[in-house]
Amino acid sequence: MTGEDVRAMSDDQLQDELLKLKKEQFNLRFQQATGQLENTARFKQIRRDVARLKTDMRRRALQTQGS
């Protein structure tokens, strides 16, 4: 997911995507605990995607607050 992808999403889509990523992160933690995790790099990808989403959500909130 790139910054352009995030900026193109609506507010509802951002919320849905954030929820989806949080669920995936939760499942990855379980896989890691049970020794079934194969792609450890996915942790980093999810963490960065969550940060992108939250950053854009905050940017939009500040824009509407300033207007």
PDB file of N, CA and C in Angstrom:
ATOM      1  N   MET A   1       0.852  -1.170   0.000  1.00  0.00           N
ATOM      2  CA  MET A   1       0.000   0.000   0.000  1.00  0.00           C
ATOM      3  C   MET A   1       0.901   1.238   0.000  1.00  0.00           C
ATOM      4  N   THR A   2       0.596   2.161  -0.890  1.00  0.00           N
ATOM      5  CA  THR A   2       1.384   3.391  -0.968  1.00  0.00           C
ATOM      6  C   THR A   2       0.571   4.554  -0.417  1.00  0.00           C
ATOM      7  N   GLY A   3       1.246   5.676  -0.245  1.00  0.00           N
ATOM      8  CA  GLY A   3       0.569   6.873   0.227  1.00  0.00           C
ATOM      9  C   GLY A   3      -0.518   7.321  -0.727  1.00  0.00           C
ATOM     10  N   GLU A   4      -0.278   7.150  -2.014  1.00  0.00           N
ATOM     11  CA  GLU A   4      -1.278   7.523  -3.012  1.00  0.00           C
ATOM     12  C   GLU A   4      -2.538   6.676  -2.865  1.00  0.00           C
ATOM     13  N   ASP A   5      -2.340   5.390  -2.592  1.00  0.00           N
ATOM     14  CA  ASP A   5      -3.494   4.496  -2.393  1.00  0.00           C
ATOM     15  C   ASP A   5      -4.318   4.955  -1.198  1.00  0.00           C
ATOM     16  N   VAL A   6      -3.640   5.331  -0.138  1.00  0.00           N
ATOM     17  CA  VAL A   6      -4.323   5.753   1.086  1.00  0.00           C
ATOM     18  C   VAL A   6      -5.088   7.050   0.851  1.00  0.00           C
ATOM     19  N   ARG A   7      -4.466   8.004   0.173  1.00  0.00           N
ATOM     20  CA  ARG A   7      -5.126   9.289  -0.069  1.00  0.00           C
ATOM     21  C   ARG A   7      -6.336   9.150  -0.983  1.00  0.00           C
ATOM     22  N   ALA A   8      -6.360   8.103  -1.799  1.00  0.00           N
ATOM     23  CA  ALA A   8      -7.482   7.892  -2.717  1.00  0.00           C
ATOM     24  C   ALA A   8      -8.690   7.256  -2.025  1.00  0.00           C
ATOM     25  N   MET A   9      -8.497   6.721  -0.835  1.00  0.00           N
ATOM     26  CA  MET A   9      -9.589   6.052  -0.122  1.00  0.00           C
ATOM     27  C   MET A   9     -10.505   7.055   0.570  1.00  0.00           C
ATOM     28  N   SER A  10     -11.749   6.629   0.749  1.00  0.00           N
ATOM     29  CA  SER A  10     -12.692   7.443   1.514  1.00  0.00           C
ATOM     30  C   SER A  10     -12.447   7.196   3.007  1.00  0.00           C
ATOM     31  N   ASP A  11     -13.111   7.988   3.844  1.00  0.00           N
ATOM     32  CA  ASP A  11     -12.942   7.842   5.287  1.00  0.00           C
ATOM     33  C   ASP A  11     -13.399   6.462   5.763  1.00  0.00           C
ATOM     34  N   ASP A  12     -14.504   5.981   5.225  1.00  0.00           N
ATOM     35  CA  ASP A  12     -15.008   4.662   5.609  1.00  0.00           C
ATOM     36  C   ASP A  12     -14.056   3.555   5.170  1.00  0.00           C
ATOM     37  N   GLN A  13     -13.487   3.704   3.988  1.00  0.00           N
ATOM     38  CA  GLN A  13     -12.538   2.717   3.501  1.00  0.00           C
ATOM     39  C   GLN A  13     -11.294   2.682   4.383  1.00  0.00           C
ATOM     40  N   LEU A  14     -10.860   3.848   4.849  1.00  0.00           N
ATOM     41  CA  LEU A  14      -9.696   3.903   5.741  1.00  0.00           C
ATOM     42  C   LEU A  14      -9.973   3.138   7.032  1.00  0.00           C
ATOM     43  N   GLN A  15     -11.157   3.352   7.595  1.00  0.00           N
ATOM     44  CA  GLN A  15     -11.531   2.654   8.832  1.00  0.00           C
ATOM     45  C   GLN A  15     -11.577   1.139   8.614  1.00  0.00           C
ATOM     46  N   ASP A  16     -12.165   0.718   7.509  1.00  0.00           N
ATOM     47  CA  ASP A  16     -12.268  -0.709   7.208  1.00  0.00           C
ATOM     48  C   ASP A  16     -10.889  -1.335   7.015  1.00  0.00           C
ATOM     49  N   GLU A  17     -10.036  -0.644   6.289  1.00  0.00           N
ATOM     50  CA  GLU A  17      -8.689  -1.152   6.034  1.00  0.00           C
ATOM     51  C   GLU A  17      -7.891  -1.233   7.333  1.00  0.00           C
ATOM     52  N   LEU A  18      -8.032  -0.245   8.189  1.00  0.00           N
ATOM     53  CA  LEU A  18      -7.336  -0.254   9.475  1.00  0.00           C
ATOM     54  C   LEU A  18      -7.793  -1.449  10.317  1.00  0.00           C
ATOM     55  N   LEU A  19      -9.082  -1.691  10.350  1.00  0.00           N
ATOM     56  CA  LEU A  19      -9.618  -2.829  11.093  1.00  0.00           C
ATOM     57  C   LEU A  19      -9.091  -4.144  10.532  1.00  0.00           C
ATOM     58  N   LYS A  20      -9.045  -4.248   9.216  1.00  0.00           N
ATOM     59  CA  LYS A  20      -8.553  -5.461   8.561  1.00  0.00           C
ATOM     60  C   LYS A  20      -7.081  -5.717   8.906  1.00  0.00           C
ATOM     61  N   LEU A  21      -6.284  -4.657   8.884  1.00  0.00           N
ATOM     62  CA  LEU A  21      -4.863  -4.800   9.194  1.00  0.00           C
ATOM     63  C   LEU A  21      -4.640  -5.173  10.654  1.00  0.00           C
ATOM     64  N   LYS A  22      -5.436  -4.606  11.546  1.00  0.00           N
ATOM     65  CA  LYS A  22      -5.316  -4.942  12.966  1.00  0.00           C
ATOM     66  C   LYS A  22      -5.645  -6.418  13.206  1.00  0.00           C
ATOM     67  N   LYS A  23      -6.667  -6.922  12.512  1.00  0.00           N
ATOM     68  CA  LYS A  23      -7.025  -8.336  12.644  1.00  0.00           C
ATOM     69  C   LYS A  23      -5.900  -9.224  12.114  1.00  0.00           C
ATOM     70  N   GLU A  24      -5.329  -8.827  10.980  1.00  0.00           N
ATOM     71  CA  GLU A  24      -4.234  -9.612  10.410  1.00  0.00           C
ATOM     72  C   GLU A  24      -3.033  -9.606  11.341  1.00  0.00           C
ATOM     73  N   GLN A  25      -2.748  -8.473  11.941  1.00  0.00           N
ATOM     74  CA  GLN A  25      -1.637  -8.372  12.879  1.00  0.00           C
ATOM     75  C   GLN A  25      -1.868  -9.291  14.087  1.00  0.00           C
ATOM     76  N   PHE A  26      -3.093  -9.317  14.573  1.00  0.00           N
ATOM     77  CA  PHE A  26      -3.458 -10.195  15.686  1.00  0.00           C
ATOM     78  C   PHE A  26      -3.226 -11.661  15.314  1.00  0.00           C
ATOM     79  N   ASN A  27      -3.670 -12.040  14.108  1.00  0.00           N
ATOM     80  CA  ASN A  27      -3.495 -13.426  13.658  1.00  0.00           C
ATOM     81  C   ASN A  27      -2.023 -13.775  13.482  1.00  0.00           C
ATOM     82  N   LEU A  28      -1.225 -12.826  13.023  1.00  0.00           N
ATOM     83  CA  LEU A  28       0.206 -13.086  12.863  1.00  0.00           C
ATOM     84  C   LEU A  28       0.880 -13.328  14.212  1.00  0.00           C
ATOM     85  N   ARG A  29       0.438 -12.609  15.227  1.00  0.00           N
ATOM     86  CA  ARG A  29       1.005 -12.825  16.564  1.00  0.00           C
ATOM     87  C   ARG A  29       0.706 -14.238  17.055  1.00  0.00           C
ATOM     88  N   PHE A  30      -0.490 -14.736  16.780  1.00  0.00           N
ATOM     89  CA  PHE A  30      -0.825 -16.107  17.160  1.00  0.00           C
ATOM     90  C   PHE A  30       0.019 -17.116  16.372  1.00  0.00           C
ATOM     91  N   GLN A  31       0.186 -16.862  15.095  1.00  0.00           N
ATOM     92  CA  GLN A  31       0.995 -17.765  14.278  1.00  0.00           C
ATOM     93  C   GLN A  31       2.431 -17.799  14.780  1.00  0.00           C
ATOM     94  N   GLN A  32       2.942 -16.649  15.179  1.00  0.00           N
ATOM     95  CA  GLN A  32       4.314 -16.587  15.678  1.00  0.00           C
ATOM     96  C   GLN A  32       4.436 -17.352  16.996  1.00  0.00           C
ATOM     97  N   ALA A  33       3.448 -17.227  17.853  1.00  0.00           N
ATOM     98  CA  ALA A  33       3.485 -17.897  19.145  1.00  0.00           C
ATOM     99  C   ALA A  33       3.420 -19.413  18.999  1.00  0.00           C
ATOM    100  N   THR A  34       2.722 -19.887  17.982  1.00  0.00           N
ATOM    101  CA  THR A  34       2.592 -21.328  17.784  1.00  0.00           C
ATOM    102  C   THR A  34       3.657 -21.890  16.840  1.00  0.00           C
ATOM    103  N   GLY A  35       4.517 -21.025  16.328  1.00  0.00           N
ATOM    104  CA  GLY A  35       5.589 -21.485  15.455  1.00  0.00           C
ATOM    105  C   GLY A  35       5.167 -21.733  14.026  1.00  0.00           C
ATOM    106  N   GLN A  36       4.034 -21.206  13.613  1.00  0.00           N
ATOM    107  CA  GLN A  36       3.530 -21.436  12.259  1.00  0.00           C
ATOM    108  C   GLN A  36       3.801 -20.276  11.313  1.00  0.00           C
ATOM    109  N   LEU A  37       4.404 -19.209  11.801  1.00  0.00           N
ATOM    110  CA  LEU A  37       4.625 -18.018  10.978  1.00  0.00           C
ATOM    111  C   LEU A  37       5.752 -18.255   9.984  1.00  0.00           C
ATOM    112  N   GLU A  38       5.467 -17.996   8.715  1.00  0.00           N
ATOM    113  CA  GLU A  38       6.460 -18.200   7.667  1.00  0.00           C
ATOM    114  C   GLU A  38       7.062 -16.887   7.191  1.00  0.00           C
ATOM    115  N   ASN A  39       6.235 -15.856   7.049  1.00  0.00           N
ATOM    116  CA  ASN A  39       6.703 -14.583   6.503  1.00  0.00           C
ATOM    117  C   ASN A  39       6.804 -13.547   7.629  1.00  0.00           C
ATOM    118  N   THR A  40       7.957 -13.459   8.258  1.00  0.00           N
ATOM    119  CA  THR A  40       8.122 -12.546   9.384  1.00  0.00           C
ATOM    120  C   THR A  40       8.173 -11.087   8.927  1.00  0.00           C
ATOM    121  N   ALA A  41       8.482 -10.848   7.673  1.00  0.00           N
ATOM    122  CA  ALA A  41       8.550  -9.479   7.148  1.00  0.00           C
ATOM    123  C   ALA A  41       7.173  -8.834   7.082  1.00  0.00           C
ATOM    124  N   ARG A  42       6.138  -9.643   7.135  1.00  0.00           N
ATOM    125  CA  ARG A  42       4.769  -9.118   7.057  1.00  0.00           C
ATOM    126  C   ARG A  42       4.450  -8.234   8.263  1.00  0.00           C
ATOM    127  N   PHE A  43       5.078  -8.513   9.417  1.00  0.00           N
ATOM    128  CA  PHE A  43       4.900  -7.662  10.594  1.00  0.00           C
ATOM    129  C   PHE A  43       5.258  -6.211  10.278  1.00  0.00           C
ATOM    130  N   LYS A  44       6.396  -6.037   9.650  1.00  0.00           N
ATOM    131  CA  LYS A  44       6.881  -4.692   9.318  1.00  0.00           C
ATOM    132  C   LYS A  44       5.953  -4.018   8.311  1.00  0.00           C
ATOM    133  N   GLN A  45       5.501  -4.753   7.318  1.00  0.00           N
ATOM    134  CA  GLN A  45       4.601  -4.198   6.310  1.00  0.00           C
ATOM    135  C   GLN A  45       3.302  -3.721   6.939  1.00  0.00           C
ATOM    136  N   ILE A  46       2.748  -4.540   7.810  1.00  0.00           N
ATOM    137  CA  ILE A  46       1.483  -4.180   8.448  1.00  0.00           C
ATOM    138  C   ILE A  46       1.667  -2.962   9.337  1.00  0.00           C
ATOM    139  N   ARG A  47       2.730  -2.940  10.106  1.00  0.00           N
ATOM    140  CA  ARG A  47       2.980  -1.817  11.000  1.00  0.00           C
ATOM    141  C   ARG A  47       3.089  -0.503  10.220  1.00  0.00           C
ATOM    142  N   ARG A  48       3.764  -0.548   9.104  1.00  0.00           N
ATOM    143  CA  ARG A  48       3.911   0.663   8.278  1.00  0.00           C
ATOM    144  C   ARG A  48       2.604   1.067   7.609  1.00  0.00           C
ATOM    145  N   ASP A  49       1.823   0.083   7.174  1.00  0.00           N
ATOM    146  CA  ASP A  49       0.528   0.386   6.565  1.00  0.00           C
ATOM    147  C   ASP A  49      -0.418   1.013   7.582  1.00  0.00           C
ATOM    148  N   VAL A  50      -0.390   0.505   8.806  1.00  0.00           N
ATOM    149  CA  VAL A  50      -1.220   1.078   9.867  1.00  0.00           C
ATOM    150  C   VAL A  50      -0.812   2.526  10.109  1.00  0.00           C
ATOM    151  N   ALA A  51       0.487   2.776  10.139  1.00  0.00           N
ATOM    152  CA  ALA A  51       0.974   4.142  10.347  1.00  0.00           C
ATOM    153  C   ALA A  51       0.539   5.061   9.204  1.00  0.00           C
ATOM    154  N   ARG A  52       0.583   4.559   7.977  1.00  0.00           N
ATOM    155  CA  ARG A  52       0.139   5.364   6.835  1.00  0.00           C
ATOM    156  C   ARG A  52      -1.335   5.737   6.966  1.00  0.00           C
ATOM    157  N   LEU A  53      -2.134   4.746   7.329  1.00  0.00           N
ATOM    158  CA  LEU A  53      -3.568   4.992   7.469  1.00  0.00           C
ATOM    159  C   LEU A  53      -3.846   6.004   8.573  1.00  0.00           C
ATOM    160  N   LYS A  54      -3.226   5.816   9.723  1.00  0.00           N
ATOM    161  CA  LYS A  54      -3.467   6.718  10.848  1.00  0.00           C
ATOM    162  C   LYS A  54      -2.976   8.127  10.548  1.00  0.00           C
ATOM    163  N   THR A  55      -1.865   8.232   9.837  1.00  0.00           N
ATOM    164  CA  THR A  55      -1.327   9.540   9.478  1.00  0.00           C
ATOM    165  C   THR A  55      -2.297  10.280   8.572  1.00  0.00           C
ATOM    166  N   ASP A  56      -2.832   9.585   7.576  1.00  0.00           N
ATOM    167  CA  ASP A  56      -3.759  10.237   6.659  1.00  0.00           C
ATOM    168  C   ASP A  56      -5.078  10.569   7.348  1.00  0.00           C
ATOM    169  N   MET A  57      -5.524   9.714   8.250  1.00  0.00           N
ATOM    170  CA  MET A  57      -6.753  10.000   8.991  1.00  0.00           C
ATOM    171  C   MET A  57      -6.567  11.257   9.843  1.00  0.00           C
ATOM    172  N   ARG A  58      -5.414  11.389  10.454  1.00  0.00           N
ATOM    173  CA  ARG A  58      -5.121  12.565  11.278  1.00  0.00           C
ATOM    174  C   ARG A  58      -5.025  13.819  10.409  1.00  0.00           C
ATOM    175  N   ARG A  59      -4.399  13.690   9.245  1.00  0.00           N
ATOM    176  CA  ARG A  59      -4.275  14.816   8.315  1.00  0.00           C
ATOM    177  C   ARG A  59      -5.657  15.315   7.898  1.00  0.00           C
ATOM    178  N   ARG A  60      -6.546  14.374   7.604  1.00  0.00           N
ATOM    179  CA  ARG A  60      -7.908  14.760   7.207  1.00  0.00           C
ATOM    180  C   ARG A  60      -8.650  15.413   8.350  1.00  0.00           C
ATOM    181  N   ALA A  61      -8.454  14.916   9.559  1.00  0.00           N
ATOM    182  CA  ALA A  61      -9.131  15.507  10.719  1.00  0.00           C
ATOM    183  C   ALA A  61      -8.654  16.933  10.945  1.00  0.00           C
ATOM    184  N   LEU A  62      -7.380  17.164  10.786  1.00  0.00           N
ATOM    185  CA  LEU A  62      -6.845  18.514  10.977  1.00  0.00           C
ATOM    186  C   LEU A  62      -7.308  19.453   9.872  1.00  0.00           C
ATOM    187  N   GLN A  63      -7.452  18.935   8.664  1.00  0.00           N
ATOM    188  CA  GLN A  63      -7.937  19.770   7.557  1.00  0.00           C
ATOM    189  C   GLN A  63      -9.378  20.217   7.794  1.00  0.00           C
ATOM    190  N   THR A  64     -10.216  19.303   8.237  1.00  0.00           N
ATOM    191  CA  THR A  64     -11.608  19.663   8.469  1.00  0.00           C
ATOM    192  C   THR A  64     -11.739  20.571   9.684  1.00  0.00           C
ATOM    193  N   GLN A  65     -10.860  20.398  10.650  1.00  0.00           N
ATOM    194  CA  GLN A  65     -10.883  21.238  11.841  1.00  0.00           C
ATOM    195  C   GLN A  65     -10.437  22.654  11.518  1.00  0.00           C
ATOM    196  N   GLY A  66      -9.484  22.789  10.609  1.00  0.00           N
ATOM    197  CA  GLY A  66      -8.978  24.100  10.236  1.00  0.00           C
ATOM    198  C   GLY A  66      -9.869  24.854   9.286  1.00  0.00           C
ATOM    199  N   SER A  67     -10.722  24.136   8.586  1.00  0.00           N
ATOM    200  CA  SER A  67     -11.595  24.787   7.594  1.00  0.00           C
ATOM    201  C   SER A  67     -12.806  25.420   8.215  1.00  0.00           C
TER     202      SER A  67
END
